[in-house]
Amino acid sequence: MADARAFVSFDFDHNQVQRILFSGQARKDSPTPFTVQDWSSKTVLPQAEWESMIKKF
């Protein structure tokens, strides 16, 4: 069975701690029952651009 998919978004400037804690759960040796793919943008994108990218997936 395929893993469930979810979209999680963090405000890069204001949610650094939450992003770090969540990504720690994504480590291969973590007991959490999910896998994580990091599609984070390393730069600021206009809203229309990132919405368009997300809709493709």
N, C-alpha and C. Protein backbone atom coordinates (compact mmCIF):
# COMPACT_ATOMS: atom_id res chain seq x y z
N MET A 1 0.84 -1.17 0.00
CA MET A 1 0.00 0.00 0.00
C MET A 1 0.89 1.25 0.00
N ALA A 2 0.53 2.24 -0.78
CA ALA A 2 1.31 3.47 -0.87
C ALA A 2 1.14 4.31 0.39
N ASP A 3 2.21 5.04 0.73
CA ASP A 3 2.12 5.95 1.87
C ASP A 3 1.10 7.04 1.60
N ALA A 4 0.42 7.47 2.64
CA ALA A 4 -0.50 8.60 2.51
C ALA A 4 0.31 9.86 2.20
N ARG A 5 -0.33 10.81 1.51
CA ARG A 5 0.35 12.05 1.16
C ARG A 5 -0.32 13.22 1.87
N ALA A 6 0.49 14.15 2.30
CA ALA A 6 -0.02 15.36 2.93
C ALA A 6 0.91 16.51 2.55
N PHE A 7 0.34 17.68 2.43
CA PHE A 7 1.12 18.88 2.17
C PHE A 7 1.27 19.63 3.48
N VAL A 8 2.51 19.94 3.86
CA VAL A 8 2.78 20.69 5.07
C VAL A 8 3.58 21.91 4.66
N SER A 9 3.16 23.05 5.16
CA SER A 9 3.83 24.30 4.80
C SER A 9 4.29 25.03 6.05
N PHE A 10 5.48 25.61 5.97
CA PHE A 10 6.02 26.39 7.06
C PHE A 10 6.37 27.78 6.56
N ASP A 11 6.16 28.77 7.41
CA ASP A 11 6.62 30.13 7.12
C ASP A 11 8.11 30.14 7.42
N PHE A 12 8.92 30.26 6.39
CA PHE A 12 10.36 30.13 6.52
C PHE A 12 10.93 31.07 7.58
N ASP A 13 10.39 32.29 7.68
CA ASP A 13 10.92 33.28 8.61
C ASP A 13 10.39 33.13 10.03
N HIS A 14 9.26 32.48 10.22
CA HIS A 14 8.64 32.45 11.54
C HIS A 14 8.42 31.05 12.12
N ASN A 15 8.65 30.01 11.38
CA ASN A 15 8.41 28.65 11.87
C ASN A 15 9.65 27.77 11.80
N GLN A 16 10.81 28.36 12.01
CA GLN A 16 12.06 27.61 11.89
C GLN A 16 12.11 26.44 12.88
N VAL A 17 11.71 26.67 14.12
CA VAL A 17 11.75 25.60 15.14
C VAL A 17 10.83 24.45 14.74
N GLN A 18 9.60 24.77 14.32
CA GLN A 18 8.65 23.72 13.93
C GLN A 18 9.16 22.94 12.72
N ARG A 19 9.76 23.63 11.78
CA ARG A 19 10.30 22.96 10.59
C ARG A 19 11.41 21.98 10.99
N ILE A 20 12.29 22.41 11.88
CA ILE A 20 13.39 21.55 12.32
C ILE A 20 12.86 20.34 13.08
N LEU A 21 11.90 20.54 13.98
CA LEU A 21 11.34 19.42 14.73
C LEU A 21 10.63 18.43 13.81
N PHE A 22 9.87 18.93 12.85
CA PHE A 22 9.17 18.04 11.93
C PHE A 22 10.16 17.27 11.06
N SER A 23 11.18 17.95 10.55
CA SER A 23 12.14 17.26 9.69
C SER A 23 12.92 16.21 10.47
N GLY A 24 13.09 16.40 11.78
CA GLY A 24 13.74 15.38 12.60
C GLY A 24 12.94 14.10 12.64
N GLN A 25 11.63 14.20 12.57
CA GLN A 25 10.78 13.01 12.56
C GLN A 25 10.87 12.27 11.23
N ALA A 26 11.39 12.92 10.22
CA ALA A 26 11.48 12.32 8.89
C ALA A 26 12.75 11.49 8.69
N ARG A 27 13.62 11.50 9.68
CA ARG A 27 14.85 10.74 9.55
C ARG A 27 14.54 9.25 9.40
N LYS A 28 15.42 8.55 8.73
CA LYS A 28 15.19 7.13 8.47
C LYS A 28 15.13 6.30 9.74
N ASP A 29 15.82 6.72 10.79
CA ASP A 29 15.82 5.95 12.04
C ASP A 29 14.70 6.37 12.99
N SER A 30 13.81 7.24 12.55
CA SER A 30 12.70 7.69 13.37
C SER A 30 11.59 6.63 13.38
N PRO A 31 10.93 6.43 14.52
CA PRO A 31 9.86 5.43 14.59
C PRO A 31 8.52 5.91 14.01
N THR A 32 8.46 7.14 13.48
CA THR A 32 7.20 7.64 12.95
C THR A 32 6.82 6.89 11.68
N PRO A 33 5.52 6.64 11.47
CA PRO A 33 5.08 5.79 10.36
C PRO A 33 4.84 6.55 9.05
N PHE A 34 5.73 7.45 8.68
CA PHE A 34 5.56 8.15 7.42
C PHE A 34 6.91 8.52 6.83
N THR A 35 6.90 8.82 5.56
CA THR A 35 8.10 9.30 4.89
C THR A 35 7.86 10.74 4.49
N VAL A 36 8.94 11.49 4.34
CA VAL A 36 8.85 12.90 4.03
C VAL A 36 9.71 13.21 2.81
N GLN A 37 9.17 14.00 1.93
CA GLN A 37 9.93 14.53 0.81
C GLN A 37 9.99 16.04 0.99
N ASP A 38 11.18 16.59 1.02
CA ASP A 38 11.35 18.02 1.22
C ASP A 38 11.36 18.73 -0.12
N TRP A 39 10.31 19.46 -0.40
CA TRP A 39 10.21 20.23 -1.64
C TRP A 39 10.33 21.72 -1.33
N SER A 40 11.03 22.03 -0.26
CA SER A 40 11.13 23.41 0.18
C SER A 40 11.79 24.29 -0.87
N SER A 41 11.27 25.47 -0.99
CA SER A 41 11.90 26.47 -1.83
C SER A 41 12.96 27.16 -1.00
N LYS A 42 14.13 27.30 -1.55
CA LYS A 42 15.22 27.96 -0.82
C LYS A 42 15.21 29.46 -1.06
N THR A 43 14.28 29.93 -1.86
CA THR A 43 14.13 31.35 -2.13
C THR A 43 12.67 31.73 -2.00
N VAL A 44 12.42 33.02 -1.86
CA VAL A 44 11.04 33.51 -1.79
C VAL A 44 10.43 33.46 -3.19
N LEU A 45 9.23 32.90 -3.29
CA LEU A 45 8.53 32.82 -4.57
C LEU A 45 7.24 33.62 -4.50
N PRO A 46 6.86 34.25 -5.60
CA PRO A 46 5.55 34.89 -5.62
C PRO A 46 4.46 33.84 -5.39
N GLN A 47 3.39 34.23 -4.73
CA GLN A 47 2.34 33.27 -4.38
C GLN A 47 1.82 32.52 -5.60
N ALA A 48 1.57 33.20 -6.69
CA ALA A 48 1.03 32.54 -7.89
C ALA A 48 1.99 31.47 -8.41
N GLU A 49 3.28 31.70 -8.27
CA GLU A 49 4.27 30.73 -8.76
C GLU A 49 4.27 29.46 -7.92
N TRP A 50 4.29 29.59 -6.58
CA TRP A 50 4.32 28.37 -5.78
C TRP A 50 2.99 27.64 -5.82
N GLU A 51 1.88 28.37 -5.96
CA GLU A 51 0.58 27.69 -6.09
C GLU A 51 0.55 26.87 -7.37
N SER A 52 1.09 27.41 -8.44
CA SER A 52 1.13 26.70 -9.71
C SER A 52 1.99 25.43 -9.59
N MET A 53 3.13 25.53 -8.91
CA MET A 53 4.00 24.37 -8.73
C MET A 53 3.30 23.28 -7.94
N ILE A 54 2.59 23.65 -6.88
CA ILE A 54 1.91 22.68 -6.04
C ILE A 54 0.79 21.96 -6.80
N LYS A 55 0.05 22.69 -7.60
CA LYS A 55 -1.07 22.10 -8.34
C LYS A 55 -0.62 21.04 -9.33
N LYS A 56 0.62 21.10 -9.78
CA LYS A 56 1.14 20.11 -10.73
C LYS A 56 1.29 18.73 -10.09
N PHE A 57 1.41 18.69 -8.76
CA PHE A 57 1.62 17.43 -8.07
C PHE A 57 0.36 17.05 -7.40
